[in-house]
Amino acid sequence: MELVSFLLSNQISERAERVFLEHRERILRLLPKADVQHVGSTAIPNSLTKGDVDLQVRVPESMFADAVEKLSTLYKVNEGSIRTDSFCAFYDETADLPLGVQLTAIGSELDLFWKFREVLLANDRYRVEYDELKKKYGGKNMEEYRQAKSGT
C-alpha cells in the first residue's frame, strides 16, 4: 500500500521549475505546436505537494494520435490512468523530481488541468481548502487520497 505525504511547494520550487523547463524543451522539440504548461501543486506557490511535477501538453485534436506516439518515445504511458481518444497520461520517474505528463486534446473534456491551476492561483481560499484535504490524507493510503480529491 502506497502512502501519501506532502511538503510545501516552496521547498522545491526551483527544482520543479528546472524540471518543467527541461521537459518543456524536450517536448517542444518533438511537438513544436504544443502548448506545454506547468500544472499541479508545484506550479502554485505556498501549496502542499507530493513533490512531483505535473505538465499538461495541449494539442489540437487532429495532432493527438501523433502526439501520443511521439511522447511515448520520451515517457512511459501511465497504464494506471484512464486513456481516451483525447487524453493520455505519461510519467518519468528518472527526472530530478517525479514527472507526470497529461496529454490532452485542446477543448476536450479533460483539457482542464491548466484551468484548475488558474483557479487556485486566483483564489487563495480554494488553495487553502485543497491543502486542508491534503492534510487530512497525509500519511494515509494514496488511493483513498486520489478518490477524495476527485470527488468519488
C-alpha atoms as a PDB file:
ATOM      1  CA  MET A   1       0.000   0.000   0.000  1.00  0.00           C
ATOM      2  CA  GLU A   2       1.413   3.335  -1.073  1.00  0.00           C
ATOM      3  CA  LEU A   3       1.143   6.131   1.479  1.00  0.00           C
ATOM      4  CA  VAL A   4       0.862   9.797   0.517  1.00  0.00           C
ATOM      5  CA  SER A   5       2.933  12.573   2.058  1.00  0.00           C
ATOM      6  CA  PHE A   6       3.162  16.274   1.343  1.00  0.00           C
ATOM      7  CA  LEU A   7       5.602  19.150   1.619  1.00  0.00           C
ATOM      8  CA  LEU A   8       5.331  22.863   0.920  1.00  0.00           C
ATOM      9  CA  SER A   9       5.798  23.600  -2.798  1.00  0.00           C
ATOM     10  CA  ASN A  10       8.159  26.480  -1.965  1.00  0.00           C
ATOM     11  CA  GLN A  11      10.679  23.929  -0.641  1.00  0.00           C
ATOM     12  CA  ILE A  12      11.191  22.521  -4.133  1.00  0.00           C
ATOM     13  CA  SER A  13      10.004  25.358  -6.385  1.00  0.00           C
ATOM     14  CA  GLU A  14      13.406  25.974  -8.013  1.00  0.00           C
ATOM     15  CA  ARG A  15      13.919  22.284  -8.766  1.00  0.00           C
ATOM     16  CA  ALA A  16      10.345  21.986 -10.031  1.00  0.00           C
ATOM     17  CA  GLU A  17      10.802  24.963 -12.359  1.00  0.00           C
ATOM     18  CA  ARG A  18      14.025  23.437 -13.750  1.00  0.00           C
ATOM     19  CA  VAL A  19      12.251  20.126 -14.367  1.00  0.00           C
ATOM     20  CA  PHE A  20       9.387  21.946 -16.076  1.00  0.00           C
ATOM     21  CA  LEU A  21      11.679  23.973 -18.355  1.00  0.00           C
ATOM     22  CA  GLU A  22      13.853  20.970 -19.253  1.00  0.00           C
ATOM     23  CA  HIS A  23      10.890  18.778 -20.175  1.00  0.00           C
ATOM     24  CA  ARG A  24       9.023  21.577 -21.905  1.00  0.00           C
ATOM     25  CA  GLU A  25      12.034  21.984 -24.189  1.00  0.00           C
ATOM     26  CA  ARG A  26      12.225  18.230 -24.851  1.00  0.00           C
ATOM     27  CA  ILE A  27       8.522  18.052 -25.666  1.00  0.00           C
ATOM     28  CA  LEU A  28       8.587  21.105 -27.930  1.00  0.00           C
ATOM     29  CA  ARG A  29      11.418  19.596 -29.969  1.00  0.00           C
ATOM     30  CA  LEU A  30       9.027  16.759 -30.858  1.00  0.00           C
ATOM     31  CA  LEU A  31       5.780  18.743 -30.821  1.00  0.00           C
ATOM     32  CA  PRO A  32       6.641  22.360 -31.702  1.00  0.00           C
ATOM     33  CA  LYS A  33       2.971  23.419 -31.881  1.00  0.00           C
ATOM     34  CA  ALA A  34       2.062  22.011 -28.468  1.00  0.00           C
ATOM     35  CA  ASP A  35       1.070  24.186 -25.528  1.00  0.00           C
ATOM     36  CA  VAL A  36       3.149  22.841 -22.604  1.00  0.00           C
ATOM     37  CA  GLN A  37       2.084  24.095 -19.199  1.00  0.00           C
ATOM     38  CA  HIS A  38       3.321  23.546 -15.643  1.00  0.00           C
ATOM     39  CA  VAL A  39       0.258  22.438 -13.697  1.00  0.00           C
ATOM     40  CA  GLY A  40      -0.241  20.752 -10.348  1.00  0.00           C
ATOM     41  CA  SER A  41       0.775  21.909  -6.920  1.00  0.00           C
ATOM     42  CA  THR A  42       4.407  22.685  -7.720  1.00  0.00           C
ATOM     43  CA  ALA A  43       3.049  25.401 -10.032  1.00  0.00           C
ATOM     44  CA  ILE A  44       1.171  27.028  -7.134  1.00  0.00           C
ATOM     45  CA  PRO A  45       3.197  28.948  -4.514  1.00  0.00           C
ATOM     46  CA  ASN A  46       2.533  28.069  -0.873  1.00  0.00           C
ATOM     47  CA  SER A  47       0.592  24.910  -1.681  1.00  0.00           C
ATOM     48  CA  LEU A  48       1.144  21.414  -0.413  1.00  0.00           C
ATOM     49  CA  THR A  49       2.599  18.991  -2.950  1.00  0.00           C
ATOM     50  CA  LYS A  50       3.524  15.328  -3.141  1.00  0.00           C
ATOM     51  CA  GLY A  51       6.826  16.552  -4.575  1.00  0.00           C
ATOM     52  CA  ASP A  52       6.172  15.654  -8.174  1.00  0.00           C
ATOM     53  CA  VAL A  53       5.925  17.895 -11.217  1.00  0.00           C
ATOM     54  CA  ASP A  54       2.873  17.774 -13.470  1.00  0.00           C
ATOM     55  CA  LEU A  55       2.827  19.035 -17.030  1.00  0.00           C
ATOM     56  CA  GLN A  56      -0.124  19.398 -19.336  1.00  0.00           C
ATOM     57  CA  VAL A  57       0.600  19.079 -23.028  1.00  0.00           C
ATOM     58  CA  ARG A  58      -2.236  20.521 -25.086  1.00  0.00           C
ATOM     59  CA  VAL A  59      -2.513  19.773 -28.802  1.00  0.00           C
ATOM     60  CA  PRO A  60      -5.230  20.159 -31.426  1.00  0.00           C
ATOM     61  CA  GLU A  61      -7.409  17.068 -31.721  1.00  0.00           C
ATOM     62  CA  SER A  62      -6.004  16.385 -35.196  1.00  0.00           C
ATOM     63  CA  MET A  63      -2.493  16.031 -33.687  1.00  0.00           C
ATOM     64  CA  PHE A  64      -3.456  13.906 -30.700  1.00  0.00           C
ATOM     65  CA  ALA A  65      -2.602  10.410 -32.035  1.00  0.00           C
ATOM     66  CA  ASP A  66       0.761  11.627 -33.364  1.00  0.00           C
ATOM     67  CA  ALA A  67       1.466  13.321 -30.021  1.00  0.00           C
ATOM     68  CA  VAL A  68       0.785  10.065 -28.135  1.00  0.00           C
ATOM     69  CA  GLU A  69       3.257   8.273 -30.385  1.00  0.00           C
ATOM     70  CA  LYS A  70       5.942  10.945 -30.003  1.00  0.00           C
ATOM     71  CA  LEU A  71       5.570  11.355 -26.236  1.00  0.00           C
ATOM     72  CA  SER A  72       5.822   7.576 -25.906  1.00  0.00           C
ATOM     73  CA  THR A  73       9.432   7.901 -27.085  1.00  0.00           C
ATOM     74  CA  LEU A  74      10.205  10.162 -24.110  1.00  0.00           C
ATOM     75  CA  TYR A  75       7.984   8.823 -21.338  1.00  0.00           C
ATOM     76  CA  LYS A  76       6.221   5.697 -20.110  1.00  0.00           C
ATOM     77  CA  VAL A  77       2.467   5.528 -20.598  1.00  0.00           C
ATOM     78  CA  ASN A  78       0.703   5.567 -17.231  1.00  0.00           C
ATOM     79  CA  GLU A  79      -1.248   2.323 -17.528  1.00  0.00           C
ATOM     80  CA  GLY A  80      -2.987   3.018 -14.210  1.00  0.00           C
ATOM     81  CA  SER A  81      -4.653   6.146 -15.597  1.00  0.00           C
ATOM     82  CA  ILE A  82      -7.671   6.490 -17.838  1.00  0.00           C
ATOM     83  CA  ARG A  83      -6.998   6.757 -21.550  1.00  0.00           C
ATOM     84  CA  THR A  84      -9.339   8.140 -24.188  1.00  0.00           C
ATOM     85  CA  ASP A  85      -9.201   9.460 -27.744  1.00  0.00           C
ATOM     86  CA  SER A  86      -8.309  12.866 -26.271  1.00  0.00           C
ATOM     87  CA  PHE A  87      -6.368  12.058 -23.061  1.00  0.00           C
ATOM     88  CA  CYS A  88      -3.271  10.032 -22.279  1.00  0.00           C
ATOM     89  CA  ALA A  89      -1.088  10.188 -19.166  1.00  0.00           C
ATOM     90  CA  PHE A  90       2.652   9.544 -19.080  1.00  0.00           C
ATOM     91  CA  TYR A  91       5.310   9.530 -16.376  1.00  0.00           C
ATOM     92  CA  ASP A  92       9.052   9.678 -15.858  1.00  0.00           C
ATOM     93  CA  GLU A  93      10.473   8.545 -12.543  1.00  0.00           C
ATOM     94  CA  THR A  94      14.050   9.276 -13.661  1.00  0.00           C
ATOM     95  CA  ALA A  95      13.584  13.070 -13.725  1.00  0.00           C
ATOM     96  CA  ASP A  96      15.064  15.167 -10.891  1.00  0.00           C
ATOM     97  CA  LEU A  97      11.563  15.112  -9.397  1.00  0.00           C
ATOM     98  CA  PRO A  98       8.935  12.521 -10.372  1.00  0.00           C
ATOM     99  CA  LEU A  99       7.192  13.776 -13.505  1.00  0.00           C
ATOM    100  CA  GLY A 100       3.628  13.333 -14.737  1.00  0.00           C
ATOM    101  CA  VAL A 101       2.645  14.425 -18.238  1.00  0.00           C
ATOM    102  CA  GLN A 102      -1.029  14.772 -19.116  1.00  0.00           C
ATOM    103  CA  LEU A 103      -1.633  14.945 -22.865  1.00  0.00           C
ATOM    104  CA  THR A 104      -4.983  16.442 -23.823  1.00  0.00           C
ATOM    105  CA  ALA A 105      -6.711  17.484 -26.994  1.00  0.00           C
ATOM    106  CA  ILE A 106      -7.491  21.195 -26.772  1.00  0.00           C
ATOM    107  CA  GLY A 107     -11.135  21.752 -25.857  1.00  0.00           C
ATOM    108  CA  SER A 108     -11.732  18.137 -24.826  1.00  0.00           C
ATOM    109  CA  GLU A 109     -13.434  17.069 -21.612  1.00  0.00           C
ATOM    110  CA  LEU A 110     -10.138  16.606 -19.734  1.00  0.00           C
ATOM    111  CA  ASP A 111      -8.475  19.770 -21.035  1.00  0.00           C
ATOM    112  CA  LEU A 112      -8.827  21.228 -17.560  1.00  0.00           C
ATOM    113  CA  PHE A 113      -5.568  20.910 -15.630  1.00  0.00           C
ATOM    114  CA  TRP A 114      -4.458  24.422 -16.579  1.00  0.00           C
ATOM    115  CA  LYS A 115      -7.885  25.765 -15.607  1.00  0.00           C
ATOM    116  CA  PHE A 116      -7.657  24.168 -12.155  1.00  0.00           C
ATOM    117  CA  ARG A 117      -4.222  25.764 -11.682  1.00  0.00           C
ATOM    118  CA  GLU A 118      -5.603  29.170 -12.669  1.00  0.00           C
ATOM    119  CA  VAL A 119      -8.496  28.882 -10.197  1.00  0.00           C
ATOM    120  CA  LEU A 120      -6.104  28.025  -7.350  1.00  0.00           C
ATOM    121  CA  LEU A 121      -3.731  30.855  -8.296  1.00  0.00           C
ATOM    122  CA  ALA A 122      -6.575  33.377  -8.432  1.00  0.00           C
ATOM    123  CA  ASN A 123      -8.378  32.305  -5.262  1.00  0.00           C
ATOM    124  CA  ASP A 124      -6.295  31.600  -2.184  1.00  0.00           C
ATOM    125  CA  ARG A 125      -9.326  30.303  -0.288  1.00  0.00           C
ATOM    126  CA  TYR A 126      -9.638  27.401  -2.752  1.00  0.00           C
ATOM    127  CA  ARG A 127      -5.915  26.658  -2.414  1.00  0.00           C
ATOM    128  CA  VAL A 128      -6.261  26.551   1.370  1.00  0.00           C
ATOM    129  CA  GLU A 129      -9.299  24.245   1.118  1.00  0.00           C
ATOM    130  CA  TYR A 130      -7.407  21.931  -1.241  1.00  0.00           C
ATOM    131  CA  ASP A 131      -4.433  21.900   1.141  1.00  0.00           C
ATOM    132  CA  GLU A 132      -6.777  21.000   4.024  1.00  0.00           C
ATOM    133  CA  LEU A 133      -7.941  17.984   2.038  1.00  0.00           C
ATOM    134  CA  LYS A 134      -4.295  17.002   1.540  1.00  0.00           C
ATOM    135  CA  LYS A 135      -3.540  17.382   5.254  1.00  0.00           C
ATOM    136  CA  LYS A 136      -6.451  15.071   6.041  1.00  0.00           C
ATOM    137  CA  TYR A 137      -4.887  12.328   3.896  1.00  0.00           C
ATOM    138  CA  GLY A 138      -1.211  12.877   4.759  1.00  0.00           C
ATOM    139  CA  GLY A 139       0.331   9.551   5.795  1.00  0.00           C
ATOM    140  CA  LYS A 140      -2.700   7.630   4.557  1.00  0.00           C
ATOM    141  CA  ASN A 141      -3.443   5.451   1.549  1.00  0.00           C
ATOM    142  CA  MET A 142      -2.667   7.115  -1.807  1.00  0.00           C
ATOM    143  CA  GLU A 143      -5.699   5.578  -3.494  1.00  0.00           C
ATOM    144  CA  GLU A 144      -8.033   6.956  -0.821  1.00  0.00           C
ATOM    145  CA  TYR A 145      -6.474  10.404  -1.308  1.00  0.00           C
ATOM    146  CA  ARG A 146      -6.902  10.205  -5.099  1.00  0.00           C
ATOM    147  CA  GLN A 147     -10.558   9.231  -4.684  1.00  0.00           C
ATOM    148  CA  ALA A 148     -11.169  12.072  -2.229  1.00  0.00           C
ATOM    149  CA  LYS A 149      -9.591  14.720  -4.439  1.00  0.00           C
ATOM    150  CA  SER A 150     -11.525  13.528  -7.493  1.00  0.00           C
ATOM    151  CA  GLY A 151     -14.777  13.649  -5.521  1.00  0.00           C
ATOM    152  CA  THR A 152     -15.559   9.944  -5.978  1.00  0.00           C
END
